N, C-alpha and C. Protein backbone atom coordinates (compact mmCIF):
# COMPACT_ATOMS: atom_id res chain seq x y z
N MET A 1 18.45 -11.27 15.09
CA MET A 1 18.16 -12.65 14.69
C MET A 1 17.72 -13.74 15.22
N LYS A 2 18.21 -14.00 16.16
CA LYS A 2 18.04 -15.59 16.98
C LYS A 2 16.58 -15.73 17.49
N GLU A 3 15.87 -14.56 17.70
CA GLU A 3 15.06 -14.88 17.71
C GLU A 3 14.03 -14.98 16.72
N ILE A 4 14.60 -15.43 14.93
CA ILE A 4 13.31 -15.93 13.79
C ILE A 4 13.03 -16.99 13.99
N ALA A 5 14.33 -17.79 14.21
CA ALA A 5 13.72 -19.19 13.65
C ALA A 5 13.40 -19.97 14.70
N PRO A 6 13.26 -19.75 16.19
CA PRO A 6 12.38 -19.91 17.78
C PRO A 6 11.32 -19.68 17.02
N LEU A 7 10.91 -18.46 16.58
CA LEU A 7 9.42 -18.10 16.23
C LEU A 7 9.12 -18.89 14.87
N LEU A 8 9.92 -19.08 13.77
CA LEU A 8 9.18 -19.49 12.80
C LEU A 8 9.44 -21.14 12.99
N GLU A 9 9.73 -21.35 14.16
CA GLU A 9 9.64 -23.17 14.17
C GLU A 9 8.50 -23.44 15.29
N LYS A 10 8.15 -22.58 15.99
CA LYS A 10 7.04 -22.24 17.17
C LYS A 10 5.79 -22.26 15.99
N LEU A 11 5.76 -21.46 15.21
CA LEU A 11 4.28 -20.96 14.12
C LEU A 11 4.24 -22.24 13.08
N ALA A 12 5.46 -23.21 12.68
CA ALA A 12 5.11 -23.97 12.07
C ALA A 12 4.58 -25.29 12.52
N LYS A 13 5.29 -25.20 14.05
CA LYS A 13 4.59 -26.59 14.52
C LYS A 13 3.14 -26.44 14.88
N GLN A 14 2.97 -24.92 15.60
CA GLN A 14 0.93 -25.23 15.27
C GLN A 14 0.34 -25.19 14.08
N LEU A 15 1.19 -25.23 13.44
CA LEU A 15 0.26 -25.03 12.07
C LEU A 15 0.63 -26.49 11.17
N GLY A 16 1.34 -27.05 12.13
CA GLY A 16 1.10 -28.73 11.62
C GLY A 16 2.66 -28.81 10.01
N THR A 17 3.29 -27.60 10.30
CA THR A 17 4.02 -27.75 9.12
C THR A 17 5.53 -27.43 9.09
N THR A 18 6.38 -27.60 7.99
CA THR A 18 7.52 -27.56 8.26
C THR A 18 8.00 -26.20 8.21
N VAL A 19 9.28 -25.68 9.07
CA VAL A 19 9.75 -24.05 8.74
C VAL A 19 9.77 -23.70 7.13
N GLU A 20 10.93 -24.61 6.58
CA GLU A 20 10.95 -24.61 5.08
C GLU A 20 9.61 -24.43 4.60
N TYR A 21 8.62 -24.76 4.30
CA TYR A 21 7.52 -24.38 4.02
C TYR A 21 6.81 -23.13 4.32
N LEU A 22 6.72 -22.53 5.39
CA LEU A 22 5.96 -21.78 5.97
C LEU A 22 6.93 -20.45 5.43
N TRP A 23 8.60 -20.72 5.43
CA TRP A 23 9.65 -19.57 4.88
C TRP A 23 8.76 -19.65 3.16
N ALA A 24 8.76 -20.51 2.26
CA ALA A 24 8.40 -19.91 1.48
C ALA A 24 7.37 -19.79 0.96
N VAL A 25 5.88 -19.89 1.68
CA VAL A 25 5.18 -19.28 1.53
C VAL A 25 4.99 -18.07 1.91
N LEU A 26 5.77 -17.73 2.70
CA LEU A 26 5.92 -16.12 2.70
C LEU A 26 6.58 -15.43 1.64
N VAL A 27 7.92 -16.07 1.10
CA VAL A 27 8.23 -16.15 0.25
C VAL A 27 7.37 -15.39 -1.25
N ARG A 28 6.90 -16.51 -1.12
CA ARG A 28 5.71 -15.75 -2.57
C ARG A 28 4.82 -15.20 -2.42
N GLN A 29 3.85 -15.28 -1.18
CA GLN A 29 3.34 -13.92 -0.48
C GLN A 29 4.34 -12.39 -0.87
N ALA A 30 4.95 -12.29 -1.02
CA ALA A 30 5.96 -11.29 -1.40
C ALA A 30 5.41 -10.68 -2.78
N MET A 31 5.35 -11.64 -3.66
CA MET A 31 4.94 -11.23 -5.05
C MET A 31 3.62 -10.81 -4.78
N ILE A 32 3.07 -11.77 -3.80
CA ILE A 32 1.09 -11.56 -4.19
C ILE A 32 0.74 -9.98 -4.30
N ALA A 33 1.53 -9.62 -2.58
CA ALA A 33 1.58 -8.06 -1.92
C ALA A 33 2.32 -7.13 -2.95
N SER A 34 3.34 -7.62 -4.07
CA SER A 34 3.48 -6.58 -4.20
C SER A 34 2.87 -6.09 -6.13
N CYS A 35 1.79 -7.08 -6.22
CA CYS A 35 1.01 -7.17 -7.59
C CYS A 35 0.00 -6.31 -7.25
N ILE A 36 -0.47 -6.69 -6.06
CA ILE A 36 -1.82 -5.86 -5.54
C ILE A 36 -1.41 -4.70 -5.03
N ASP A 37 -0.14 -4.20 -4.26
CA ASP A 37 0.44 -2.78 -4.34
C ASP A 37 0.17 -1.91 -5.56
N ILE A 38 0.72 -2.79 -6.68
CA ILE A 38 0.46 -2.13 -8.50
C ILE A 38 -0.92 -1.91 -8.70
N LEU A 39 -1.33 -2.59 -8.14
CA LEU A 39 -3.21 -2.94 -8.53
C LEU A 39 -4.00 -1.31 -7.99
N GLN A 40 -3.24 -1.27 -6.81
CA GLN A 40 -3.78 -0.14 -5.95
C GLN A 40 -3.24 1.15 -6.38
N TYR A 41 -2.02 1.18 -7.01
CA TYR A 41 -1.32 2.12 -7.26
C TYR A 41 -2.03 2.75 -8.68
N ILE A 42 -2.33 1.77 -9.34
CA ILE A 42 -3.53 2.25 -10.74
C ILE A 42 -4.62 2.50 -10.62
N ILE A 43 -5.53 2.17 -9.58
CA ILE A 43 -6.34 2.46 -9.23
C ILE A 43 -6.57 3.93 -8.88
N LEU A 44 -5.19 4.44 -7.84
CA LEU A 44 -5.21 5.32 -7.02
C LEU A 44 -5.10 6.61 -8.55
N GLY A 45 -4.36 6.17 -9.35
CA GLY A 45 -3.75 7.20 -10.85
C GLY A 45 -5.19 7.08 -11.21
N VAL A 46 -5.63 6.34 -11.69
CA VAL A 46 -7.20 6.18 -12.64
C VAL A 46 -8.34 7.42 -11.68
N ALA A 47 -7.79 7.16 -10.47
CA ALA A 47 -8.66 8.04 -9.64
C ALA A 47 -8.99 9.59 -9.76
N THR A 48 -7.09 9.56 -9.56
CA THR A 48 -6.62 10.88 -9.68
C THR A 48 -6.83 11.61 -11.13
N TYR A 49 -6.55 11.23 -12.25
CA TYR A 49 -7.21 11.27 -13.43
C TYR A 49 -8.55 11.92 -13.89
N PHE A 50 -9.25 10.95 -12.75
CA PHE A 50 -10.79 12.14 -12.99
C PHE A 50 -11.23 13.09 -11.99
N PHE A 51 -10.59 12.61 -10.94
CA PHE A 51 -10.88 14.26 -10.61
C PHE A 51 -10.38 15.31 -10.69
N VAL A 52 -9.11 14.75 -11.51
CA VAL A 52 -8.64 16.57 -11.96
C VAL A 52 -9.72 16.78 -13.43
N LYS A 53 -9.92 15.56 -14.19
CA LYS A 53 -10.98 15.83 -15.20
C LYS A 53 -11.95 16.53 -15.04
N LEU A 54 -12.88 16.18 -13.82
CA LEU A 54 -14.28 16.73 -12.93
C LEU A 54 -13.88 17.61 -12.53
N THR A 55 -12.68 17.95 -11.92
CA THR A 55 -12.35 19.52 -10.66
C THR A 55 -12.21 20.40 -12.37
N LYS A 56 -11.93 19.87 -13.20
CA LYS A 56 -11.76 21.42 -13.85
C LYS A 56 -12.99 21.81 -14.32
N LYS A 57 -13.93 20.52 -15.19
CA LYS A 57 -15.30 20.85 -15.21
C LYS A 57 -15.94 22.00 -14.48
N PHE A 58 -15.79 21.26 -13.13
CA PHE A 58 -16.64 21.84 -12.35
C PHE A 58 -16.41 23.40 -11.92
N TYR A 59 -15.06 23.64 -12.29
CA TYR A 59 -14.32 24.97 -11.84
C TYR A 59 -14.84 25.82 -13.07
N LEU A 60 -14.87 25.04 -14.36
CA LEU A 60 -14.94 25.90 -15.21
C LEU A 60 -16.96 26.19 -15.63
N GLU A 61 -17.47 25.27 -14.51
CA GLU A 61 -19.36 25.79 -14.43
C GLU A 61 -19.10 26.38 -13.34
N SER A 62 -18.44 26.93 -12.50
CA SER A 62 -18.38 27.95 -11.03
C SER A 62 -18.48 29.18 -12.07
N GLU A 63 -17.31 29.36 -12.32
CA GLU A 63 -16.66 30.26 -13.51
C GLU A 63 -18.33 30.98 -14.08
N GLU A 64 -18.78 29.90 -14.86
CA GLU A 64 -19.81 30.36 -15.55
C GLU A 64 -21.00 31.39 -14.71
N LYS A 65 -21.17 30.19 -14.20
CA LYS A 65 -22.29 30.35 -12.71
C LYS A 65 -22.17 31.10 -11.94
N GLN A 66 -20.84 32.24 -11.54
CA GLN A 66 -20.31 32.88 -10.76
C GLN A 66 -20.04 32.62 -9.29
N TRP A 67 -20.02 31.41 -9.14
CA TRP A 67 -20.26 30.75 -7.44
C TRP A 67 -18.34 31.29 -6.89
N ASP A 68 -18.99 31.62 -6.29
CA ASP A 68 -17.50 32.29 -4.91
C ASP A 68 -17.08 31.30 -4.20
N GLY A 69 -15.96 30.49 -4.73
CA GLY A 69 -15.68 29.91 -3.27
C GLY A 69 -16.29 28.23 -3.73
N ILE A 70 -17.54 28.14 -3.63
CA ILE A 70 -18.34 27.28 -3.68
C ILE A 70 -17.69 25.88 -4.30
N TRP A 71 -17.15 26.17 -5.52
CA TRP A 71 -16.10 25.23 -6.31
C TRP A 71 -14.93 24.47 -5.52
N PHE A 72 -14.20 25.47 -5.05
CA PHE A 72 -13.41 24.62 -3.94
C PHE A 72 -13.67 23.74 -2.56
N THR A 73 -14.67 23.77 -2.21
CA THR A 73 -15.44 23.09 -0.59
C THR A 73 -14.92 21.21 -1.49
N ILE A 74 -15.99 21.14 -2.10
CA ILE A 74 -15.63 19.31 -2.41
C ILE A 74 -14.80 18.85 -2.71
N PRO A 75 -13.53 19.61 -3.80
CA PRO A 75 -12.65 19.11 -5.21
C PRO A 75 -11.59 19.43 -3.99
N GLY A 76 -11.39 20.33 -3.25
CA GLY A 76 -10.48 20.96 -2.38
C GLY A 76 -10.58 19.74 -1.26
N ILE A 77 -11.40 19.11 -0.44
CA ILE A 77 -11.38 18.01 0.54
C ILE A 77 -11.35 17.23 -0.57
N MET A 78 -11.72 15.96 -1.50
CA MET A 78 -11.20 15.54 -2.38
C MET A 78 -9.62 15.50 -2.78
N GLY A 79 -9.22 16.71 -3.51
CA GLY A 79 -7.77 17.30 -3.66
C GLY A 79 -6.98 16.57 -2.47
N MET A 80 -7.37 16.94 -1.37
CA MET A 80 -6.42 16.76 0.00
C MET A 80 -6.88 15.55 0.51
N ALA A 81 -7.40 14.91 0.33
CA ALA A 81 -7.15 13.03 0.21
C ALA A 81 -6.68 13.03 -0.07
N LEU A 82 -6.88 12.78 -1.71
CA LEU A 82 -5.99 12.42 -2.80
C LEU A 82 -4.46 12.43 -2.16
N LEU A 83 -4.06 13.76 -2.04
CA LEU A 83 -2.55 14.15 -1.96
C LEU A 83 -2.28 13.19 -0.58
N ILE A 84 -2.78 12.85 0.55
CA ILE A 84 -2.43 12.15 1.75
C ILE A 84 -2.37 11.38 0.89
N ILE A 85 -3.35 10.12 0.22
CA ILE A 85 -2.71 8.58 -0.53
C ILE A 85 -1.68 8.61 -1.00
N TRP A 86 -0.97 9.96 -1.74
CA TRP A 86 -0.63 9.92 -3.01
C TRP A 86 1.08 10.20 -2.16
N ILE A 87 1.24 10.70 -0.68
CA ILE A 87 2.37 10.74 0.39
C ILE A 87 2.05 9.24 0.53
N VAL A 88 1.37 8.69 1.00
CA VAL A 88 1.28 7.77 2.29
C VAL A 88 1.70 6.00 0.79
N SER A 89 1.54 6.62 -0.72
CA SER A 89 1.76 5.51 -1.78
C SER A 89 3.39 6.07 -1.77
N PHE A 90 3.68 7.03 -2.07
CA PHE A 90 5.34 7.07 -1.66
C PHE A 90 6.29 6.52 -1.31
N PHE A 91 5.41 5.97 0.02
CA PHE A 91 6.69 5.82 1.02
C PHE A 91 6.31 4.17 1.77
N CYS A 92 5.59 3.85 0.59
CA CYS A 92 5.31 2.46 0.68
C CYS A 92 5.75 1.46 -0.36
N ILE A 93 6.08 2.14 -1.65
CA ILE A 93 6.25 1.97 -2.67
C ILE A 93 7.85 1.25 -2.51
N GLN A 94 8.73 0.83 -1.31
CA GLN A 94 9.94 0.59 -1.40
C GLN A 94 9.48 -0.66 -0.98
N ASN A 95 8.85 -1.52 -0.54
CA ASN A 95 7.30 -2.50 -0.29
C ASN A 95 7.47 -3.02 -1.21
N THR A 96 6.42 -2.13 -2.00
CA THR A 96 6.42 -2.84 -3.64
C THR A 96 7.71 -3.41 -4.51
N ILE A 97 8.47 -2.35 -4.56
CA ILE A 97 9.84 -3.08 -4.83
C ILE A 97 10.63 -4.16 -4.47
N SER A 98 10.94 -4.18 -3.51
CA SER A 98 11.92 -5.43 -2.55
C SER A 98 10.66 -6.57 -2.46
N GLY A 99 9.37 -6.60 -2.78
CA GLY A 99 8.82 -7.66 -2.90
C GLY A 99 8.91 -8.61 -4.55
N PHE A 100 9.40 -7.83 -5.38
CA PHE A 100 9.20 -7.96 -6.76
C PHE A 100 10.96 -8.52 -7.09
N LEU A 101 11.94 -7.72 -6.45
CA LEU A 101 13.14 -7.84 -6.59
C LEU A 101 14.20 -8.93 -5.33
N ASN A 102 14.01 -8.82 -4.66
CA ASN A 102 13.88 -9.38 -3.43
C ASN A 102 13.09 -9.47 -2.81
N PRO A 103 12.03 -10.67 -2.56
CA PRO A 103 11.34 -11.57 -1.63
C PRO A 103 11.68 -12.33 -0.21
N GLU A 104 12.97 -12.04 -0.32
CA GLU A 104 13.39 -12.96 1.08
C GLU A 104 13.76 -11.59 1.60
N TYR A 105 14.05 -10.44 1.47
CA TYR A 105 14.39 -9.39 2.63
C TYR A 105 13.30 -9.07 2.73
N TRP A 106 12.23 -9.17 1.73
CA TRP A 106 10.28 -8.48 2.15
C TRP A 106 9.73 -9.32 2.97
N ALA A 107 9.96 -11.04 3.07
CA ALA A 107 9.23 -11.67 3.77
C ALA A 107 10.54 -11.93 5.31
N LEU A 108 11.70 -11.01 5.11
CA LEU A 108 12.38 -11.05 6.43
C LEU A 108 11.80 -9.95 7.28
N GLN A 109 11.51 -9.08 6.90
CA GLN A 109 10.68 -7.61 7.23
C GLN A 109 9.55 -7.85 7.92
N LYS A 110 8.86 -8.40 7.42
CA LYS A 110 7.53 -8.91 7.61
C LYS A 110 7.87 -10.06 9.37
N VAL A 111 8.67 -10.86 9.53
CA VAL A 111 8.98 -11.76 10.41
C VAL A 111 9.62 -10.52 11.62
N LEU A 112 10.00 -10.10 11.17
CA LEU A 112 10.71 -8.89 11.87
C LEU A 112 10.06 -8.42 12.89
N GLY A 113 8.99 -7.51 11.93
CA GLY A 113 7.75 -6.53 12.26
C GLY A 113 6.47 -7.28 12.98
N LEU A 114 6.66 -8.79 13.00
CA LEU A 114 5.74 -9.66 13.82
C LEU A 114 6.85 -9.90 15.09
N ILE A 115 8.09 -10.13 15.04
CA ILE A 115 8.77 -9.63 16.22
C ILE A 115 8.32 -8.78 17.14
N GLY A 116 8.79 -7.49 16.46
CA GLY A 116 8.88 -6.15 17.23
C GLY A 116 7.65 -6.02 17.94
N SER A 117 6.19 -6.10 17.34
CA SER A 117 5.00 -5.89 17.60
C SER A 117 4.73 -7.40 18.72
N ALA A 118 5.39 -8.04 18.89
CA ALA A 118 4.86 -9.08 20.01
C ALA A 118 5.83 -8.60 21.41
N LYS A 119 6.54 -8.15 20.96
CA LYS A 119 7.41 -7.49 22.27
C LYS A 119 6.77 -6.50 23.06
């Protein structure tokens, strides 16, 4: 925690502003980042909906024409990609919630992440 204040002071000095202003900007960014996350979750949900609809249609069509196994390749790859994105989203939802409910904590996490990556 002792490393945060000097880092913010150095950054504020380089930007020609105060630490208080810099912190306020970072706290406001928490709400913006959380809104963007919600938009991404909505887009992912819509993509999943259309994926399921198209996969059902493609599967029924492949049964009609008796394509054995072909119906699985493209939808299977797309389904695996969507599943991986959903898993990643599940582990990122904590940041979204903390951005709305506790933006100071979100900002502190970002600063601590910068300190950790700077070492």
